[in-house]
Amino acid sequence: QSPRRDKAFHWTEFMNIKVPVHTGAEMLAKKLDMAVVFFRVKKLKRGFYETTFETITTTPKDYKDYEITDIFLKLVEQQILEAPEYYLWTHKRWKHRNHV
């Protein structure tokens, strides 16, 4: 998802494009001092998937603002690059690109 341009608090590089990103999960994790976990999905064959949970952190308050969000996005990017055929490419994904 893409936040409204006027509501974007954090811009980061994703798939080599500077884009605005939601930071609500990181803010909530810090506020409630909850672990942040990445849910990785790998397709084995039609109708069969393997999932793994990767702990990003159990101490979110120890991270600088947006650091957890950036780590999460790097994991998403890595998963996409490993199997790009399963990523939903949509025309609105980059609608708020940072034009230089």
C-alpha atoms as a PDB file:
ATOM      1  CA  GLN A   1       0.000   0.000   0.000  1.00  0.00           C
ATOM      2  CA  SER A   2       1.031   3.555  -0.511  1.00  0.00           C
ATOM      3  CA  PRO A   3       0.317   6.334   2.001  1.00  0.00           C
ATOM      4  CA  ARG A   4      -1.149   9.607   0.829  1.00  0.00           C
ATOM      5  CA  ARG A   5       1.642  11.892  -0.307  1.00  0.00           C
ATOM      6  CA  ASP A   6       0.773  14.523   2.331  1.00  0.00           C
ATOM      7  CA  LYS A   7       0.700  11.857   5.074  1.00  0.00           C
ATOM      8  CA  ALA A   8       4.054  10.237   4.256  1.00  0.00           C
ATOM      9  CA  PHE A   9       6.447  10.599   7.178  1.00  0.00           C
ATOM     10  CA  HIS A  10       9.123   8.260   5.888  1.00  0.00           C
ATOM     11  CA  TRP A  11      10.538   7.867   2.415  1.00  0.00           C
ATOM     12  CA  THR A  12      12.880   4.975   1.705  1.00  0.00           C
ATOM     13  CA  GLU A  13      14.336   3.099  -1.223  1.00  0.00           C
ATOM     14  CA  PHE A  14      12.347   0.062  -2.302  1.00  0.00           C
ATOM     15  CA  MET A  15      13.255  -1.827  -5.472  1.00  0.00           C
ATOM     16  CA  ASN A  16      15.660   1.027  -6.326  1.00  0.00           C
ATOM     17  CA  ILE A  17      12.934   3.675  -6.179  1.00  0.00           C
ATOM     18  CA  LYS A  18      12.454   6.242  -3.406  1.00  0.00           C
ATOM     19  CA  VAL A  19       8.878   5.763  -2.153  1.00  0.00           C
ATOM     20  CA  PRO A  20       6.758   6.734   0.877  1.00  0.00           C
ATOM     21  CA  VAL A  21       5.965   3.892   3.261  1.00  0.00           C
ATOM     22  CA  HIS A  22       3.607   3.210   6.145  1.00  0.00           C
ATOM     23  CA  THR A  23       5.319   3.156   9.538  1.00  0.00           C
ATOM     24  CA  GLY A  24       2.364   2.197  11.719  1.00  0.00           C
ATOM     25  CA  ALA A  25       3.589  -1.307  12.546  1.00  0.00           C
ATOM     26  CA  GLU A  26       6.907   0.027  13.817  1.00  0.00           C
ATOM     27  CA  MET A  27       5.203   2.790  15.809  1.00  0.00           C
ATOM     28  CA  LEU A  28       2.821   0.278  17.399  1.00  0.00           C
ATOM     29  CA  ALA A  29       5.637  -2.170  18.208  1.00  0.00           C
ATOM     30  CA  LYS A  30       7.589   0.594  19.941  1.00  0.00           C
ATOM     31  CA  LYS A  31       4.560   1.913  21.817  1.00  0.00           C
ATOM     32  CA  LEU A  32       3.590  -1.553  23.115  1.00  0.00           C
ATOM     33  CA  ASP A  33       7.172  -2.892  23.285  1.00  0.00           C
ATOM     34  CA  MET A  34       6.215  -5.903  21.144  1.00  0.00           C
ATOM     35  CA  ALA A  35       8.379  -8.139  18.973  1.00  0.00           C
ATOM     36  CA  VAL A  36       8.409  -7.532  15.228  1.00  0.00           C
ATOM     37  CA  VAL A  37       8.278 -10.654  13.075  1.00  0.00           C
ATOM     38  CA  PHE A  38       8.578 -11.082   9.309  1.00  0.00           C
ATOM     39  CA  PHE A  39       6.343 -13.754   7.776  1.00  0.00           C
ATOM     40  CA  ARG A  40       8.187 -15.317   4.812  1.00  0.00           C
ATOM     41  CA  VAL A  41       6.190 -17.374   2.309  1.00  0.00           C
ATOM     42  CA  LYS A  42       7.684 -19.732  -0.269  1.00  0.00           C
ATOM     43  CA  LYS A  43       5.629 -21.546  -2.880  1.00  0.00           C
ATOM     44  CA  LEU A  44       6.609 -25.211  -3.122  1.00  0.00           C
ATOM     45  CA  LYS A  45       4.132 -26.240  -5.809  1.00  0.00           C
ATOM     46  CA  ARG A  46       0.565 -25.443  -6.777  1.00  0.00           C
ATOM     47  CA  GLY A  47      -1.459 -25.138  -3.590  1.00  0.00           C
ATOM     48  CA  PHE A  48       1.502 -25.864  -1.286  1.00  0.00           C
ATOM     49  CA  TYR A  49       3.437 -23.215   0.595  1.00  0.00           C
ATOM     50  CA  GLU A  50       6.121 -23.135   3.236  1.00  0.00           C
ATOM     51  CA  THR A  51       6.119 -20.376   5.809  1.00  0.00           C
ATOM     52  CA  THR A  52       8.786 -19.244   8.202  1.00  0.00           C
ATOM     53  CA  PHE A  53       8.766 -16.568  10.837  1.00  0.00           C
ATOM     54  CA  GLU A  54      11.877 -14.413  11.144  1.00  0.00           C
ATOM     55  CA  THR A  55      12.190 -12.270  14.237  1.00  0.00           C
ATOM     56  CA  ILE A  56      13.338  -8.789  13.298  1.00  0.00           C
ATOM     57  CA  THR A  57      13.558  -7.687  16.918  1.00  0.00           C
ATOM     58  CA  THR A  58      12.203  -8.382  20.380  1.00  0.00           C
ATOM     59  CA  THR A  59      13.383  -4.964  21.596  1.00  0.00           C
ATOM     60  CA  PRO A  60      11.893  -2.398  19.200  1.00  0.00           C
ATOM     61  CA  LYS A  61      12.568   0.555  21.490  1.00  0.00           C
ATOM     62  CA  ASP A  62      16.311   0.014  20.958  1.00  0.00           C
ATOM     63  CA  TYR A  63      16.029   0.985  17.272  1.00  0.00           C
ATOM     64  CA  LYS A  64      16.186   4.421  15.677  1.00  0.00           C
ATOM     65  CA  ASP A  65      13.002   5.725  14.076  1.00  0.00           C
ATOM     66  CA  TYR A  66      12.188   3.935  10.816  1.00  0.00           C
ATOM     67  CA  GLU A  67      15.053   1.450  11.187  1.00  0.00           C
ATOM     68  CA  ILE A  68      12.666  -1.477  11.759  1.00  0.00           C
ATOM     69  CA  THR A  69      10.546  -0.404   8.791  1.00  0.00           C
ATOM     70  CA  ASP A  70      13.649  -0.311   6.594  1.00  0.00           C
ATOM     71  CA  ILE A  71      14.738  -3.778   7.757  1.00  0.00           C
ATOM     72  CA  PHE A  72      11.252  -5.128   7.038  1.00  0.00           C
ATOM     73  CA  LEU A  73      11.240  -3.631   3.549  1.00  0.00           C
ATOM     74  CA  LYS A  74      14.658  -5.132   2.777  1.00  0.00           C
ATOM     75  CA  LEU A  75      13.243  -8.548   3.712  1.00  0.00           C
ATOM     76  CA  VAL A  76      10.220  -7.974   1.458  1.00  0.00           C
ATOM     77  CA  GLU A  77      12.520  -6.902  -1.368  1.00  0.00           C
ATOM     78  CA  GLN A  78      14.697  -9.989  -0.863  1.00  0.00           C
ATOM     79  CA  GLN A  79      11.644 -12.258  -1.029  1.00  0.00           C
ATOM     80  CA  ILE A  80      10.459 -10.552  -4.233  1.00  0.00           C
ATOM     81  CA  LEU A  81      13.877 -10.880  -5.874  1.00  0.00           C
ATOM     82  CA  GLU A  82      13.999 -14.584  -4.992  1.00  0.00           C
ATOM     83  CA  ALA A  83      10.661 -15.244  -6.740  1.00  0.00           C
ATOM     84  CA  PRO A  84       9.483 -12.173  -8.702  1.00  0.00           C
ATOM     85  CA  GLU A  85       6.837 -14.187 -10.534  1.00  0.00           C
ATOM     86  CA  TYR A  86       4.730 -14.257  -7.353  1.00  0.00           C
ATOM     87  CA  TYR A  87       4.809 -10.523  -6.686  1.00  0.00           C
ATOM     88  CA  LEU A  88       1.703  -8.566  -7.612  1.00  0.00           C
ATOM     89  CA  TRP A  89       2.996  -5.790  -9.870  1.00  0.00           C
ATOM     90  CA  THR A  90       0.505  -2.956 -10.023  1.00  0.00           C
ATOM     91  CA  HIS A  91       0.591   0.381 -11.766  1.00  0.00           C
ATOM     92  CA  LYS A  92      -0.199   2.324  -8.567  1.00  0.00           C
ATOM     93  CA  ARG A  93       2.651   0.811  -6.587  1.00  0.00           C
ATOM     94  CA  TRP A  94       4.939   3.696  -7.563  1.00  0.00           C
ATOM     95  CA  LYS A  95       2.379   6.512  -7.781  1.00  0.00           C
ATOM     96  CA  HIS A  96       4.219   8.663  -5.213  1.00  0.00           C
ATOM     97  CA  ARG A  97       7.754   8.264  -6.496  1.00  0.00           C
ATOM     98  CA  ASN A  98      10.149  10.922  -5.350  1.00  0.00           C
ATOM     99  CA  HIS A  99      10.727  12.812  -8.594  1.00  0.00           C
ATOM    100  CA  VAL A 100      14.144  14.420  -8.731  1.00  0.00           C
END
